[in-house]
Amino acid sequence: MPKYWFDHVHLISQDPVTTANFYEKTFGAKRDGLSELPGGRTLVSIALDGASIKVTNPRPEPLVPNTLPNGCGLEHFGLRTDNLEEAVAELKAKGIKCVQEIKAISPTTKIAFFVSPEDILIELLEVSS
């Protein structure tokens, strides 16, 4: 069985920079990234006592059909794994629905998305050094 550990919480906001500013000013979070995603979405990354929080605009189309495309709140949580291919195969074998197959998002990071029975989006990611 591959190992898993908590990686991040991903929030959706109509204004990711303002939302990140709130966590910085209110809780002392530190900004550690600001980038543009495909489709013109903004990604702000902040760190709070070792925990990573990602904030983006809503997706144009949700990965899970029952969620609102412009809804705000928790978008997904991420679990890091040491073997993404094995983890994806294992979850599929358990009947857990994969909504995005393995995709490289950088030279060192691969991701896949699954959905829980309650339609909670779960990202699995493998980061190589």
Protein backbone atom coordinates (compact mmCIF):
# COMPACT_ATOMS: atom_id res chain seq x y z
CA MET A 1 0.00 0.00 0.00
CA PRO A 2 1.41 3.45 -0.85
CA LYS A 3 1.91 5.96 1.97
CA TYR A 4 -0.32 9.04 2.20
CA TRP A 5 0.03 12.31 4.09
CA PHE A 6 -1.87 15.58 4.22
CA ASP A 7 -0.71 18.18 1.69
CA HIS A 8 -3.09 21.17 1.43
CA VAL A 9 -6.56 22.70 1.58
CA HIS A 10 -7.84 24.41 -1.58
CA LEU A 11 -10.33 27.26 -1.22
CA ILE A 12 -12.43 28.83 -3.97
CA SER A 13 -12.95 32.58 -3.91
CA GLN A 14 -14.24 35.20 -6.33
CA ASP A 15 -11.14 37.21 -5.32
CA PRO A 16 -8.24 34.88 -4.37
CA VAL A 17 -5.82 37.71 -3.54
CA THR A 18 -8.24 39.35 -1.11
CA THR A 19 -9.00 35.98 0.48
CA ALA A 20 -5.28 35.23 0.89
CA ASN A 21 -4.77 38.71 2.36
CA PHE A 22 -7.41 37.90 4.98
CA TYR A 23 -5.50 34.79 6.12
CA GLU A 24 -2.23 36.74 6.10
CA LYS A 25 -3.57 39.67 8.13
CA THR A 26 -5.84 37.70 10.44
CA PHE A 27 -3.82 34.59 11.18
CA GLY A 28 -0.26 35.49 10.19
CA ALA A 29 -0.14 33.25 7.13
CA LYS A 30 2.75 33.89 4.74
CA ARG A 31 2.31 34.14 0.97
CA ASP A 32 4.58 31.69 -0.83
CA GLY A 33 3.23 31.85 -4.38
CA LEU A 34 1.10 33.75 -6.87
CA SER A 35 0.56 32.41 -10.39
CA GLU A 36 -1.88 32.32 -13.27
CA LEU A 37 -3.59 29.05 -14.19
CA PRO A 38 -5.00 28.06 -17.58
CA GLY A 39 -8.24 29.87 -18.34
CA GLY A 40 -7.16 33.04 -16.56
CA ARG A 41 -7.64 31.71 -13.03
CA THR A 42 -5.38 33.05 -10.27
CA LEU A 43 -3.66 30.75 -7.76
CA VAL A 44 -2.43 32.21 -4.48
CA SER A 45 -0.48 29.89 -2.17
CA ILE A 46 -0.10 30.71 1.51
CA ALA A 47 1.45 28.83 4.41
CA LEU A 48 0.07 28.78 7.93
CA ASP A 49 2.18 27.05 10.58
CA GLY A 50 3.40 24.45 8.11
CA ALA A 51 -0.01 23.90 6.49
CA SER A 52 -0.49 24.86 2.84
CA ILE A 53 -3.60 26.73 1.71
CA LYS A 54 -4.32 27.23 -2.01
CA VAL A 55 -6.85 29.84 -3.13
CA THR A 56 -8.20 30.13 -6.70
CA ASN A 57 -11.12 31.51 -8.64
CA PRO A 58 -13.93 29.06 -9.43
CA ARG A 59 -13.35 26.54 -12.23
CA PRO A 60 -15.27 27.28 -15.46
CA GLU A 61 -16.81 23.80 -15.14
CA PRO A 62 -16.81 21.76 -11.92
CA LEU A 63 -15.04 18.38 -11.79
CA VAL A 64 -17.98 17.00 -9.81
CA PRO A 65 -21.39 17.51 -11.47
CA ASN A 66 -23.33 18.28 -8.27
CA THR A 67 -21.17 21.25 -7.30
CA LEU A 68 -21.87 24.79 -8.39
CA PRO A 69 -19.32 26.16 -10.87
CA ASN A 70 -19.26 29.56 -9.19
CA GLY A 71 -19.61 28.30 -5.63
CA CYS A 72 -17.17 29.49 -3.00
CA GLY A 73 -15.75 27.51 -0.11
CA LEU A 74 -13.72 24.30 0.07
CA GLU A 75 -12.86 23.02 -3.40
CA HIS A 76 -10.86 19.95 -2.41
CA PHE A 77 -8.22 18.62 -0.07
CA GLY A 78 -4.96 17.12 -1.22
CA LEU A 79 -3.12 14.03 -0.09
CA ARG A 80 0.46 13.51 -1.12
CA THR A 81 1.61 9.99 -2.00
CA ASP A 82 4.96 8.42 -2.75
CA ASN A 83 3.56 6.43 -5.71
CA LEU A 84 0.72 8.07 -7.64
CA GLU A 85 0.30 5.32 -10.23
CA GLU A 86 -0.06 2.67 -7.52
CA ALA A 87 -2.38 4.88 -5.48
CA VAL A 88 -4.66 5.57 -8.46
CA ALA A 89 -4.82 1.87 -9.32
CA GLU A 90 -5.60 0.98 -5.71
CA LEU A 91 -8.42 3.52 -5.36
CA LYS A 92 -9.95 2.49 -8.69
CA ALA A 93 -9.81 -1.16 -7.59
CA LYS A 94 -11.75 -0.15 -4.47
CA GLY A 95 -14.44 1.38 -6.68
CA ILE A 96 -13.63 5.00 -5.89
CA LYS A 97 -14.55 7.24 -8.82
CA CYS A 98 -11.65 8.96 -10.61
CA VAL A 99 -12.72 12.31 -12.08
CA GLN A 100 -9.31 13.35 -13.46
CA GLU A 101 -6.67 10.86 -14.51
CA ILE A 102 -2.99 11.36 -13.75
CA LYS A 103 -1.74 14.63 -15.17
CA ALA A 104 1.69 16.25 -14.92
CA ILE A 105 1.29 19.87 -13.81
CA SER A 106 5.03 20.55 -13.64
CA PRO A 107 8.25 18.61 -14.28
CA THR A 108 8.18 17.43 -10.65
CA THR A 109 4.46 17.15 -9.82
CA LYS A 110 1.71 14.78 -10.99
CA ILE A 111 -1.89 14.90 -9.81
CA ALA A 112 -5.15 12.95 -10.07
CA PHE A 113 -8.60 13.65 -8.63
CA PHE A 114 -11.11 11.30 -7.02
CA VAL A 115 -14.51 11.94 -5.51
CA SER A 116 -15.80 10.53 -2.25
CA PRO A 117 -19.28 9.01 -1.91
CA GLU A 118 -20.42 12.40 -0.56
CA ASP A 119 -19.01 14.21 -3.63
CA ILE A 120 -15.99 15.60 -1.76
CA LEU A 121 -13.16 16.18 -4.21
CA ILE A 122 -9.83 14.59 -3.21
CA GLU A 123 -6.58 15.38 -5.00
CA LEU A 124 -3.73 12.90 -4.92
CA LEU A 125 -0.32 14.27 -5.79
CA GLU A 126 3.21 12.97 -6.14
CA VAL A 127 6.08 15.43 -5.96
CA SER A 128 9.51 14.24 -7.01
CA SER A 129 12.75 15.98 -6.14
